[in-house]
C-alpha atoms as a PDB file:
ATOM      1  CA  UNK A   1      -6.345  -4.462 -19.561  1.00  0.00           C
ATOM      2  CA  UNK A   2      -6.450  -1.091 -17.813  1.00  0.00           C
ATOM      3  CA  UNK A   3      -5.656   2.137 -19.594  1.00  0.00           C
ATOM      4  CA  UNK A   4      -2.954   4.516 -18.419  1.00  0.00           C
ATOM      5  CA  UNK A   5      -5.544   6.828 -16.873  1.00  0.00           C
ATOM      6  CA  UNK A   6      -7.213   3.916 -15.045  1.00  0.00           C
ATOM      7  CA  UNK A   7      -3.892   2.724 -13.611  1.00  0.00           C
ATOM      8  CA  UNK A   8      -3.038   6.285 -12.625  1.00  0.00           C
ATOM      9  CA  UNK A   9      -6.405   6.697 -10.889  1.00  0.00           C
ATOM     10  CA  UNK A  10      -5.880   3.427  -9.020  1.00  0.00           C
ATOM     11  CA  UNK A  11      -2.506   4.595  -7.700  1.00  0.00           C
ATOM     12  CA  UNK A  12      -3.892   8.067  -6.934  1.00  0.00           C
ATOM     13  CA  UNK A  13      -6.665   6.538  -4.829  1.00  0.00           C
ATOM     14  CA  UNK A  14      -4.226   4.396  -2.837  1.00  0.00           C
ATOM     15  CA  UNK A  15      -1.776   7.289  -2.459  1.00  0.00           C
ATOM     16  CA  UNK A  16      -4.667   9.277  -0.988  1.00  0.00           C
ATOM     17  CA  UNK A  17      -5.407   6.480   1.484  1.00  0.00           C
ATOM     18  CA  UNK A  18      -1.771   6.431   2.634  1.00  0.00           C
ATOM     19  CA  UNK A  19      -1.770  10.209   3.027  1.00  0.00           C
ATOM     20  CA  UNK A  20      -5.073  10.193   4.909  1.00  0.00           C
ATOM     21  CA  UNK A  21      -3.769   7.612   7.364  1.00  0.00           C
ATOM     22  CA  UNK A  22      -0.411   9.343   7.823  1.00  0.00           C
ATOM     23  CA  UNK A  23      -2.252  12.639   8.424  1.00  0.00           C
ATOM     24  CA  UNK A  24      -4.576  10.923  10.968  1.00  0.00           C
ATOM     25  CA  UNK A  25      -7.679  11.539   8.854  1.00  0.00           C
ATOM     26  CA  UNK A  26      -8.262   7.773   8.746  1.00  0.00           C
ATOM     27  CA  UNK A  27      -7.557   5.433  11.634  1.00  0.00           C
ATOM     28  CA  UNK A  28      -5.148   2.623  10.934  1.00  0.00           C
ATOM     29  CA  UNK A  29      -8.048   0.147  10.988  1.00  0.00           C
ATOM     30  CA  UNK A  30     -10.011   2.222   8.464  1.00  0.00           C
ATOM     31  CA  UNK A  31      -6.932   2.554   6.280  1.00  0.00           C
ATOM     32  CA  UNK A  32      -6.184  -1.150   6.428  1.00  0.00           C
ATOM     33  CA  UNK A  33      -9.735  -2.047   5.459  1.00  0.00           C
ATOM     34  CA  UNK A  34      -9.843   0.422   2.556  1.00  0.00           C
ATOM     35  CA  UNK A  35      -6.300  -0.326   1.326  1.00  0.00           C
ATOM     36  CA  UNK A  36      -6.965  -4.050   1.319  1.00  0.00           C
ATOM     37  CA  UNK A  37      -4.438  -6.230  -0.434  1.00  0.00           C
ATOM     38  CA  UNK A  38      -3.232  -3.520  -2.789  1.00  0.00           C
ATOM     39  CA  UNK A  39      -1.221  -3.829  -5.015  1.00  0.00           C
ATOM     40  CA  UNK A  40      -1.050  -7.610  -4.780  1.00  0.00           C
ATOM     41  CA  UNK A  41      -4.717  -8.075  -5.660  1.00  0.00           C
ATOM     42  CA  UNK A  42      -4.265  -6.247  -8.979  1.00  0.00           C
ATOM     43  CA  UNK A  43      -2.429  -7.344 -12.118  1.00  0.00           C
ATOM     44  CA  UNK A  44       0.147  -4.533 -11.978  1.00  0.00           C
ATOM     45  CA  UNK A  45       3.400  -6.462 -12.441  1.00  0.00           C
ATOM     46  CA  UNK A  46       4.780  -5.641 -15.907  1.00  0.00           C
ATOM     47  CA  UNK A  47       6.750  -8.905 -15.877  1.00  0.00           C
ATOM     48  CA  UNK A  48       3.552 -10.954 -15.577  1.00  0.00           C
ATOM     49  CA  UNK A  49       1.260  -8.738 -17.645  1.00  0.00           C
ATOM     50  CA  UNK A  50       0.178  -9.410 -21.210  1.00  0.00           C
ATOM     51  CA  UNK A  51       2.535  -7.898 -23.763  1.00  0.00           C
ATOM     52  CA  UNK A  52       0.105  -5.135 -24.735  1.00  0.00           C
ATOM     53  CA  UNK A  53      -0.199  -3.969 -21.092  1.00  0.00           C
ATOM     54  CA  UNK A  54       3.502  -3.930 -20.224  1.00  0.00           C
ATOM     55  CA  UNK A  55       4.280  -0.487 -21.637  1.00  0.00           C
ATOM     56  CA  UNK A  56       1.526   1.138 -19.576  1.00  0.00           C
ATOM     57  CA  UNK A  57       2.527  -0.659 -16.386  1.00  0.00           C
ATOM     58  CA  UNK A  58       6.205   0.256 -16.800  1.00  0.00           C
ATOM     59  CA  UNK A  59       5.197   3.915 -16.565  1.00  0.00           C
ATOM     60  CA  UNK A  60       4.115   3.232 -12.980  1.00  0.00           C
ATOM     61  CA  UNK A  61       7.000   1.037 -11.828  1.00  0.00           C
ATOM     62  CA  UNK A  62       8.159   3.492  -9.136  1.00  0.00           C
ATOM     63  CA  UNK A  63       4.650   3.959  -7.796  1.00  0.00           C
ATOM     64  CA  UNK A  64       4.189   0.188  -7.751  1.00  0.00           C
ATOM     65  CA  UNK A  65       7.517  -0.206  -5.923  1.00  0.00           C
ATOM     66  CA  UNK A  66       6.360   2.218  -3.210  1.00  0.00           C
ATOM     67  CA  UNK A  67       3.083   0.389  -2.697  1.00  0.00           C
ATOM     68  CA  UNK A  68       4.844  -2.973  -2.613  1.00  0.00           C
ATOM     69  CA  UNK A  69       6.916  -1.538   0.244  1.00  0.00           C
ATOM     70  CA  UNK A  70       3.723  -0.419   1.987  1.00  0.00           C
ATOM     71  CA  UNK A  71       2.234  -3.907   1.585  1.00  0.00           C
ATOM     72  CA  UNK A  72       5.410  -5.508   2.954  1.00  0.00           C
ATOM     73  CA  UNK A  73       5.580  -3.119   5.904  1.00  0.00           C
ATOM     74  CA  UNK A  74       1.963  -3.760   6.763  1.00  0.00           C
ATOM     75  CA  UNK A  75       1.989  -7.520   6.392  1.00  0.00           C
ATOM     76  CA  UNK A  76       0.807  -9.011   9.634  1.00  0.00           C
ATOM     77  CA  UNK A  77      -1.146  -5.882  10.571  1.00  0.00           C
ATOM     78  CA  UNK A  78      -4.093  -6.469   8.255  1.00  0.00           C
ATOM     79  CA  UNK A  79      -6.632  -7.807  10.698  1.00  0.00           C
ATOM     80  CA  UNK A  80      -6.560  -5.674  13.799  1.00  0.00           C
ATOM     81  CA  UNK A  81      -9.273  -7.718  15.515  1.00  0.00           C
ATOM     82  CA  UNK A  82      -7.347 -10.980  15.033  1.00  0.00           C
ATOM     83  CA  UNK A  83      -4.155  -9.343  16.301  1.00  0.00           C
ATOM     84  CA  UNK A  84      -5.863  -8.042  19.405  1.00  0.00           C
ATOM     85  CA  UNK A  85      -7.395 -11.392  20.230  1.00  0.00           C
ATOM     86  CA  UNK A  86      -4.203 -13.322  19.412  1.00  0.00           C
ATOM     87  CA  UNK A  87      -1.875 -11.083  21.377  1.00  0.00           C
ATOM     88  CA  UNK A  88      -4.150  -9.956  24.188  1.00  0.00           C
ATOM     89  CA  UNK A  89      -3.121  -6.685  25.779  1.00  0.00           C
ATOM     90  CA  UNK A  90      -0.083  -6.338  23.517  1.00  0.00           C
ATOM     91  CA  UNK A  91      -2.422  -6.342  20.504  1.00  0.00           C
ATOM     92  CA  UNK A  92      -3.471  -2.787  21.244  1.00  0.00           C
ATOM     93  CA  UNK A  93      -0.032  -1.642  20.042  1.00  0.00           C
ATOM     94  CA  UNK A  94      -0.471  -3.262  16.617  1.00  0.00           C
ATOM     95  CA  UNK A  95      -2.200  -0.240  15.005  1.00  0.00           C
ATOM     96  CA  UNK A  96       0.403   2.092  16.502  1.00  0.00           C
ATOM     97  CA  UNK A  97       3.269   0.071  15.063  1.00  0.00           C
ATOM     98  CA  UNK A  98       1.530  -0.203  11.681  1.00  0.00           C
ATOM     99  CA  UNK A  99       0.970   3.552  11.569  1.00  0.00           C
ATOM    100  CA  UNK A 100       4.576   4.162  12.579  1.00  0.00           C
ATOM    101  CA  UNK A 101       5.804   1.976   9.696  1.00  0.00           C
ATOM    102  CA  UNK A 102       3.483   3.726   7.269  1.00  0.00           C
ATOM    103  CA  UNK A 103       4.683   7.156   8.394  1.00  0.00           C
ATOM    104  CA  UNK A 104       8.314   6.081   8.016  1.00  0.00           C
ATOM    105  CA  UNK A 105       7.677   5.003   4.431  1.00  0.00           C
ATOM    106  CA  UNK A 106       5.810   8.214   3.619  1.00  0.00           C
ATOM    107  CA  UNK A 107       8.661  10.269   5.073  1.00  0.00           C
ATOM    108  CA  UNK A 108      11.273   8.295   3.139  1.00  0.00           C
ATOM    109  CA  UNK A 109       9.288   8.465  -0.116  1.00  0.00           C
ATOM    110  CA  UNK A 110       7.284  11.730   0.075  1.00  0.00           C
ATOM    111  CA  UNK A 111       6.301  11.524  -3.585  1.00  0.00           C
ATOM    112  CA  UNK A 112       5.091   7.923  -3.082  1.00  0.00           C
ATOM    113  CA  UNK A 113       7.624   6.631  -5.607  1.00  0.00           C
ATOM    114  CA  UNK A 114      10.487   4.224  -4.926  1.00  0.00           C
ATOM    115  CA  UNK A 115      13.033   2.385  -6.964  1.00  0.00           C
ATOM    116  CA  UNK A 116      12.034  -1.213  -7.636  1.00  0.00           C
ATOM    117  CA  UNK A 117      13.775  -3.647  -5.310  1.00  0.00           C
ATOM    118  CA  UNK A 118      14.990  -5.849  -8.136  1.00  0.00           C
END
């Protein structure tokens, strides 16, 4: 079980990755590699967490909701090399479209917090 400060640091790190990509400090490929399968690869869902972890995770529900939107928007853009080889010349637009989606989310949710979808 992660502490509140550990969960906060995890979200802070991934917020920083989003910001760095949106601000063109990281390329989309670099961002995608560093961001990985966040938040899906972490046990951050309060509904599925052990009872003693639920209170901590509920504090971050809006931050989790934002990053779930990022993950959904980026699904299919994870492996740039596969996309390029699968789609040929059109594959070169994949990073541009992924970055565009990421920038739209950052503009819509500038504090990197969103209401949960359900």
